[in-house]
Amino acid sequence: MTCGGCSKRRAAQVTKRQSKEDYNIMGGYANLNDRQIKARLEVYKRKYCKECLKRYDCDYKNYLECRKSAKIK
């Protein structure tokens, strides 16, 4: 089957799934504004914190503490 408009045959690209340990909200960027950090934190909580009781009160500080405690275990 062809790949859209170019009508060339290509293999489908395989995407690497990230584990919870690999996920980083900052994504390698040093200067994100507050809105961007908040949006990325919401995505993180939706993916990885489904059963966490503190999910709705979580902010960036709590995220960093949670990541540190998860690495110790």
PDB file of N, CA and C in Angstrom:
ATOM      1  N   MET A   1       0.841  -1.166   0.000  1.00  0.00           N
ATOM      2  CA  MET A   1       0.000   0.000   0.000  1.00  0.00           C
ATOM      3  C   MET A   1       0.893   1.237   0.000  1.00  0.00           C
ATOM      4  N   THR A   2       0.450   2.268  -0.624  1.00  0.00           N
ATOM      5  CA  THR A   2       1.249   3.484  -0.720  1.00  0.00           C
ATOM      6  C   THR A   2       1.064   4.356   0.519  1.00  0.00           C
ATOM      7  N   CYS A   3       1.970   5.294   0.684  1.00  0.00           N
ATOM      8  CA  CYS A   3       1.956   6.126   1.892  1.00  0.00           C
ATOM      9  C   CYS A   3       1.396   7.512   1.619  1.00  0.00           C
ATOM     10  N   GLY A   4       0.175   7.657   1.329  1.00  0.00           N
ATOM     11  CA  GLY A   4      -0.415   8.981   1.178  1.00  0.00           C
ATOM     12  C   GLY A   4      -0.205   9.569  -0.202  1.00  0.00           C
ATOM     13  N   GLY A   5       0.134  10.849  -0.262  1.00  0.00           N
ATOM     14  CA  GLY A   5       0.176  11.597  -1.504  1.00  0.00           C
ATOM     15  C   GLY A   5       1.352  11.319  -2.415  1.00  0.00           C
ATOM     16  N   CYS A   6       2.452  10.809  -1.902  1.00  0.00           N
ATOM     17  CA  CYS A   6       3.636  10.668  -2.751  1.00  0.00           C
ATOM     18  C   CYS A   6       3.624   9.369  -3.558  1.00  0.00           C
ATOM     19  N   SER A   7       2.764   8.460  -3.250  1.00  0.00           N
ATOM     20  CA  SER A   7       2.581   7.173  -3.926  1.00  0.00           C
ATOM     21  C   SER A   7       3.848   6.338  -3.995  1.00  0.00           C
ATOM     22  N   LYS A   8       4.731   6.483  -3.030  1.00  0.00           N
ATOM     23  CA  LYS A   8       5.904   5.626  -2.923  1.00  0.00           C
ATOM     24  C   LYS A   8       5.652   4.621  -1.820  1.00  0.00           C
ATOM     25  N   ARG A   9       6.236   3.485  -1.976  1.00  0.00           N
ATOM     26  CA  ARG A   9       6.058   2.458  -0.954  1.00  0.00           C
ATOM     27  C   ARG A   9       7.174   2.569   0.077  1.00  0.00           C
ATOM     28  N   ARG A  10       6.776   2.705   1.315  1.00  0.00           N
ATOM     29  CA  ARG A  10       7.740   2.798   2.404  1.00  0.00           C
ATOM     30  C   ARG A  10       7.286   1.922   3.557  1.00  0.00           C
ATOM     31  N   ALA A  11       8.243   1.509   4.333  1.00  0.00           N
ATOM     32  CA  ALA A  11       7.898   0.750   5.530  1.00  0.00           C
ATOM     33  C   ALA A  11       7.368   1.715   6.592  1.00  0.00           C
ATOM     34  N   ALA A  12       6.455   1.236   7.381  1.00  0.00           N
ATOM     35  CA  ALA A  12       5.903   2.056   8.449  1.00  0.00           C
ATOM     36  C   ALA A  12       6.974   2.331   9.494  1.00  0.00           C
ATOM     37  N   GLN A  13       6.975   3.534  10.022  1.00  0.00           N
ATOM     38  CA  GLN A  13       7.945   3.892  11.032  1.00  0.00           C
ATOM     39  C   GLN A  13       7.504   3.345  12.388  1.00  0.00           C
ATOM     40  N   VAL A  14       8.445   2.778  13.081  1.00  0.00           N
ATOM     41  CA  VAL A  14       8.161   2.226  14.403  1.00  0.00           C
ATOM     42  C   VAL A  14       8.543   3.267  15.434  1.00  0.00           C
ATOM     43  N   THR A  15       7.604   3.573  16.319  1.00  0.00           N
ATOM     44  CA  THR A  15       7.894   4.549  17.364  1.00  0.00           C
ATOM     45  C   THR A  15       8.265   3.825  18.645  1.00  0.00           C
ATOM     46  N   LYS A  16       9.222   4.389  19.345  1.00  0.00           N
ATOM     47  CA  LYS A  16       9.665   3.805  20.601  1.00  0.00           C
ATOM     48  C   LYS A  16       8.770   4.333  21.720  1.00  0.00           C
ATOM     49  N   ARG A  17       8.197   3.439  22.484  1.00  0.00           N
ATOM     50  CA  ARG A  17       7.366   3.858  23.609  1.00  0.00           C
ATOM     51  C   ARG A  17       8.241   4.176  24.798  1.00  0.00           C
ATOM     52  N   GLN A  18       7.893   5.239  25.483  1.00  0.00           N
ATOM     53  CA  GLN A  18       8.661   5.639  26.645  1.00  0.00           C
ATOM     54  C   GLN A  18       8.092   4.977  27.889  1.00  0.00           C
ATOM     55  N   SER A  19       8.982   4.589  28.768  1.00  0.00           N
ATOM     56  CA  SER A  19       8.530   4.085  30.055  1.00  0.00           C
ATOM     57  C   SER A  19       8.415   5.261  31.009  1.00  0.00           C
ATOM     58  N   LYS A  20       7.828   5.012  32.165  1.00  0.00           N
ATOM     59  CA  LYS A  20       7.643   6.066  33.149  1.00  0.00           C
ATOM     60  C   LYS A  20       8.983   6.641  33.594  1.00  0.00           C
ATOM     61  N   GLU A  21      10.004   5.800  33.685  1.00  0.00           N
ATOM     62  CA  GLU A  21      11.314   6.263  34.111  1.00  0.00           C
ATOM     63  C   GLU A  21      11.978   7.142  33.055  1.00  0.00           C
ATOM     64  N   ASP A  22      11.689   6.907  31.786  1.00  0.00           N
ATOM     65  CA  ASP A  22      12.306   7.667  30.710  1.00  0.00           C
ATOM     66  C   ASP A  22      11.619   9.011  30.468  1.00  0.00           C
ATOM     67  N   TYR A  23      10.382   9.158  30.920  1.00  0.00           N
ATOM     68  CA  TYR A  23       9.601  10.351  30.632  1.00  0.00           C
ATOM     69  C   TYR A  23      10.132  11.540  31.423  1.00  0.00           C
ATOM     70  N   ASN A  24      10.370  12.632  30.749  1.00  0.00           N
ATOM     71  CA  ASN A  24      10.829  13.851  31.394  1.00  0.00           C
ATOM     72  C   ASN A  24       9.956  14.990  30.905  1.00  0.00           C
ATOM     73  N   ILE A  25       9.363  15.714  31.823  1.00  0.00           N
ATOM     74  CA  ILE A  25       8.450  16.787  31.459  1.00  0.00           C
ATOM     75  C   ILE A  25       9.153  17.876  30.664  1.00  0.00           C
ATOM     76  N   MET A  26      10.377  18.188  31.025  1.00  0.00           N
ATOM     77  CA  MET A  26      11.080  19.277  30.354  1.00  0.00           C
ATOM     78  C   MET A  26      11.483  18.905  28.928  1.00  0.00           C
ATOM     79  N   GLY A  27      11.632  17.655  28.629  1.00  0.00           N
ATOM     80  CA  GLY A  27      11.894  17.205  27.275  1.00  0.00           C
ATOM     81  C   GLY A  27      13.197  17.700  26.680  1.00  0.00           C
ATOM     82  N   GLY A  28      14.173  18.007  27.500  1.00  0.00           N
ATOM     83  CA  GLY A  28      15.455  18.472  26.998  1.00  0.00           C
ATOM     84  C   GLY A  28      15.529  19.971  26.785  1.00  0.00           C
ATOM     85  N   TYR A  29      14.427  20.686  27.045  1.00  0.00           N
ATOM     86  CA  TYR A  29      14.416  22.139  26.888  1.00  0.00           C
ATOM     87  C   TYR A  29      14.684  22.802  28.232  1.00  0.00           C
ATOM     88  N   ALA A  30      15.497  23.830  28.242  1.00  0.00           N
ATOM     89  CA  ALA A  30      15.833  24.509  29.496  1.00  0.00           C
ATOM     90  C   ALA A  30      14.849  25.627  29.809  1.00  0.00           C
ATOM     91  N   ASN A  31      14.308  26.270  28.794  1.00  0.00           N
ATOM     92  CA  ASN A  31      13.471  27.448  29.009  1.00  0.00           C
ATOM     93  C   ASN A  31      12.058  27.216  28.505  1.00  0.00           C
ATOM     94  N   LEU A  32      11.222  26.643  29.337  1.00  0.00           N
ATOM     95  CA  LEU A  32       9.806  26.502  29.033  1.00  0.00           C
ATOM     96  C   LEU A  32       9.044  27.457  29.932  1.00  0.00           C
ATOM     97  N   ASN A  33       7.946  27.997  29.414  1.00  0.00           N
ATOM     98  CA  ASN A  33       7.165  28.876  30.272  1.00  0.00           C
ATOM     99  C   ASN A  33       6.222  28.043  31.147  1.00  0.00           C
ATOM    100  N   ASP A  34       5.582  28.686  32.105  1.00  0.00           N
ATOM    101  CA  ASP A  34       4.746  27.987  33.076  1.00  0.00           C
ATOM    102  C   ASP A  34       3.596  27.221  32.422  1.00  0.00           C
ATOM    103  N   ARG A  35       3.009  27.795  31.402  1.00  0.00           N
ATOM    104  CA  ARG A  35       1.888  27.153  30.716  1.00  0.00           C
ATOM    105  C   ARG A  35       2.318  25.847  30.055  1.00  0.00           C
ATOM    106  N   GLN A  36       3.494  25.847  29.452  1.00  0.00           N
ATOM    107  CA  GLN A  36       3.996  24.638  28.797  1.00  0.00           C
ATOM    108  C   GLN A  36       4.311  23.549  29.815  1.00  0.00           C
ATOM    109  N   ILE A  37       4.916  23.922  30.935  1.00  0.00           N
ATOM    110  CA  ILE A  37       5.229  22.944  31.982  1.00  0.00           C
ATOM    111  C   ILE A  37       3.953  22.362  32.555  1.00  0.00           C
ATOM    112  N   LYS A  38       2.963  23.213  32.785  1.00  0.00           N
ATOM    113  CA  LYS A  38       1.692  22.754  33.344  1.00  0.00           C
ATOM    114  C   LYS A  38       0.988  21.788  32.393  1.00  0.00           C
ATOM    115  N   ALA A  39       1.021  22.077  31.098  1.00  0.00           N
ATOM    116  CA  ALA A  39       0.399  21.205  30.104  1.00  0.00           C
ATOM    117  C   ALA A  39       1.117  19.859  30.036  1.00  0.00           C
ATOM    118  N   ARG A  40       2.438  19.866  30.073  1.00  0.00           N
ATOM    119  CA  ARG A  40       3.196  18.614  30.034  1.00  0.00           C
ATOM    120  C   ARG A  40       2.974  17.791  31.297  1.00  0.00           C
ATOM    121  N   LEU A  41       2.820  18.476  32.439  1.00  0.00           N
ATOM    122  CA  LEU A  41       2.545  17.774  33.685  1.00  0.00           C
ATOM    123  C   LEU A  41       1.177  17.101  33.646  1.00  0.00           C
ATOM    124  N   GLU A  42       0.188  17.747  33.045  1.00  0.00           N
ATOM    125  CA  GLU A  42      -1.131  17.152  32.915  1.00  0.00           C
ATOM    126  C   GLU A  42      -1.092  15.892  32.051  1.00  0.00           C
ATOM    127  N   VAL A  43      -0.324  15.923  30.992  1.00  0.00           N
ATOM    128  CA  VAL A  43      -0.179  14.740  30.129  1.00  0.00           C
ATOM    129  C   VAL A  43       0.491  13.610  30.905  1.00  0.00           C
ATOM    130  N   TYR A  44       1.526  13.951  31.658  1.00  0.00           N
ATOM    131  CA  TYR A  44       2.231  12.949  32.465  1.00  0.00           C
ATOM    132  C   TYR A  44       1.282  12.305  33.465  1.00  0.00           C
ATOM    133  N   LYS A  45       0.501  13.129  34.166  1.00  0.00           N
ATOM    134  CA  LYS A  45      -0.422  12.589  35.166  1.00  0.00           C
ATOM    135  C   LYS A  45      -1.496  11.723  34.519  1.00  0.00           C
ATOM    136  N   ARG A  46      -1.956  12.103  33.345  1.00  0.00           N
ATOM    137  CA  ARG A  46      -2.969  11.321  32.644  1.00  0.00           C
ATOM    138  C   ARG A  46      -2.428   9.954  32.239  1.00  0.00           C
ATOM    139  N   LYS A  47      -1.144   9.902  31.847  1.00  0.00           N
ATOM    140  CA  LYS A  47      -0.553   8.641  31.401  1.00  0.00           C
ATOM    141  C   LYS A  47      -0.125   7.732  32.549  1.00  0.00           C
ATOM    142  N   TYR A  48       0.536   8.314  33.560  1.00  0.00           N
ATOM    143  CA  TYR A  48       1.242   7.487  34.530  1.00  0.00           C
ATOM    144  C   TYR A  48       0.704   7.547  35.959  1.00  0.00           C
ATOM    145  N   CYS A  49      -0.190   8.439  36.269  1.00  0.00           N
ATOM    146  CA  CYS A  49      -0.643   8.596  37.657  1.00  0.00           C
ATOM    147  C   CYS A  49      -2.132   8.321  37.799  1.00  0.00           C
ATOM    148  N   LYS A  50      -2.621   7.339  37.112  1.00  0.00           N
ATOM    149  CA  LYS A  50      -4.058   7.075  37.122  1.00  0.00           C
ATOM    150  C   LYS A  50      -4.575   6.654  38.485  1.00  0.00           C
ATOM    151  N   GLU A  51      -3.795   5.907  39.251  1.00  0.00           N
ATOM    152  CA  GLU A  51      -4.265   5.433  40.550  1.00  0.00           C
ATOM    153  C   GLU A  51      -3.682   6.211  41.730  1.00  0.00           C
ATOM    154  N   CYS A  52      -2.957   7.277  41.448  1.00  0.00           N
ATOM    155  CA  CYS A  52      -2.347   8.076  42.514  1.00  0.00           C
ATOM    156  C   CYS A  52      -3.418   8.931  43.196  1.00  0.00           C
ATOM    157  N   LEU A  53      -3.394   8.946  44.522  1.00  0.00           N
ATOM    158  CA  LEU A  53      -4.376   9.723  45.271  1.00  0.00           C
ATOM    159  C   LEU A  53      -4.071  11.214  45.264  1.00  0.00           C
ATOM    160  N   LYS A  54      -2.800  11.586  45.087  1.00  0.00           N
ATOM    161  CA  LYS A  54      -2.400  12.991  45.089  1.00  0.00           C
ATOM    162  C   LYS A  54      -2.355  13.583  43.683  1.00  0.00           C
ATOM    163  N   ARG A  55      -2.968  12.932  42.735  1.00  0.00           N
ATOM    164  CA  ARG A  55      -2.891  13.342  41.335  1.00  0.00           C
ATOM    165  C   ARG A  55      -3.422  14.756  41.100  1.00  0.00           C
ATOM    166  N   TYR A  56      -4.515  15.107  41.739  1.00  0.00           N
ATOM    167  CA  TYR A  56      -5.150  16.393  41.465  1.00  0.00           C
ATOM    168  C   TYR A  56      -4.481  17.549  42.203  1.00  0.00           C
ATOM    169  N   ASP A  57      -3.694  17.257  43.211  1.00  0.00           N
ATOM    170  CA  ASP A  57      -2.977  18.294  43.944  1.00  0.00           C
ATOM    171  C   ASP A  57      -1.527  18.411  43.498  1.00  0.00           C
ATOM    172  N   CYS A  58      -1.131  17.639  42.533  1.00  0.00           N
ATOM    173  CA  CYS A  58       0.268  17.567  42.109  1.00  0.00           C
ATOM    174  C   CYS A  58       0.660  18.806  41.308  1.00  0.00           C
ATOM    175  N   ASP A  59       1.837  19.329  41.614  1.00  0.00           N
ATOM    176  CA  ASP A  59       2.420  20.401  40.828  1.00  0.00           C
ATOM    177  C   ASP A  59       3.854  19.991  40.477  1.00  0.00           C
ATOM    178  N   TYR A  60       4.631  20.915  39.937  1.00  0.00           N
ATOM    179  CA  TYR A  60       5.973  20.568  39.464  1.00  0.00           C
ATOM    180  C   TYR A  60       6.886  20.141  40.607  1.00  0.00           C
ATOM    181  N   LYS A  61       6.769  20.774  41.775  1.00  0.00           N
ATOM    182  CA  LYS A  61       7.588  20.381  42.931  1.00  0.00           C
ATOM    183  C   LYS A  61       7.286  18.949  43.351  1.00  0.00           C
ATOM    184  N   ASN A  62       5.998  18.622  43.441  1.00  0.00           N
ATOM    185  CA  ASN A  62       5.612  17.264  43.817  1.00  0.00           C
ATOM    186  C   ASN A  62       6.062  16.249  42.777  1.00  0.00           C
ATOM    187  N   TYR A  63       6.020  16.634  41.519  1.00  0.00           N
ATOM    188  CA  TYR A  63       6.485  15.755  40.444  1.00  0.00           C
ATOM    189  C   TYR A  63       7.967  15.414  40.639  1.00  0.00           C
ATOM    190  N   LEU A  64       8.787  16.440  40.948  1.00  0.00           N
ATOM    191  CA  LEU A  64      10.219  16.199  41.145  1.00  0.00           C
ATOM    192  C   LEU A  64      10.469  15.307  42.354  1.00  0.00           C
ATOM    193  N   GLU A  65       9.745  15.521  43.445  1.00  0.00           N
ATOM    194  CA  GLU A  65       9.893  14.682  44.637  1.00  0.00           C
ATOM    195  C   GLU A  65       9.476  13.244  44.345  1.00  0.00           C
ATOM    196  N   CYS A  66       8.416  13.084  43.608  1.00  0.00           N
ATOM    197  CA  CYS A  66       7.923  11.748  43.253  1.00  0.00           C
ATOM    198  C   CYS A  66       8.936  11.024  42.372  1.00  0.00           C
ATOM    199  N   ARG A  67       9.542  11.739  41.430  1.00  0.00           N
ATOM    200  CA  ARG A  67      10.549  11.128  40.565  1.00  0.00           C
ATOM    201  C   ARG A  67      11.766  10.693  41.366  1.00  0.00           C
ATOM    202  N   LYS A  68      12.192  11.511  42.328  1.00  0.00           N
ATOM    203  CA  LYS A  68      13.343  11.162  43.163  1.00  0.00           C
ATOM    204  C   LYS A  68      13.050   9.944  44.011  1.00  0.00           C
ATOM    205  N   SER A  69      11.855   9.883  44.604  1.00  0.00           N
ATOM    206  CA  SER A  69      11.518   8.747  45.448  1.00  0.00           C
ATOM    207  C   SER A  69      11.344   7.474  44.628  1.00  0.00           C
ATOM    208  N   ALA A  70      10.904   7.591  43.389  1.00  0.00           N
ATOM    209  CA  ALA A  70      10.726   6.417  42.537  1.00  0.00           C
ATOM    210  C   ALA A  70      12.072   5.828  42.115  1.00  0.00           C
ATOM    211  N   LYS A  71      13.088   6.671  41.969  1.00  0.00           N
ATOM    212  CA  LYS A  71      14.415   6.180  41.579  1.00  0.00           C
ATOM    213  C   LYS A  71      15.116   5.475  42.736  1.00  0.00           C
ATOM    214  N   ILE A  72      14.787   5.869  43.964  1.00  0.00           N
ATOM    215  CA  ILE A  72      15.409   5.245  45.133  1.00  0.00           C
ATOM    216  C   ILE A  72      14.926   3.820  45.310  1.00  0.00           C
ATOM    217  N   LYS A  73      13.663   3.570  45.031  1.00  0.00           N
ATOM    218  CA  LYS A  73      13.077   2.243  45.250  1.00  0.00           C
ATOM    219  C   LYS A  73      13.654   1.198  44.364  1.00  0.00           C
TER     220      LYS A  73
END
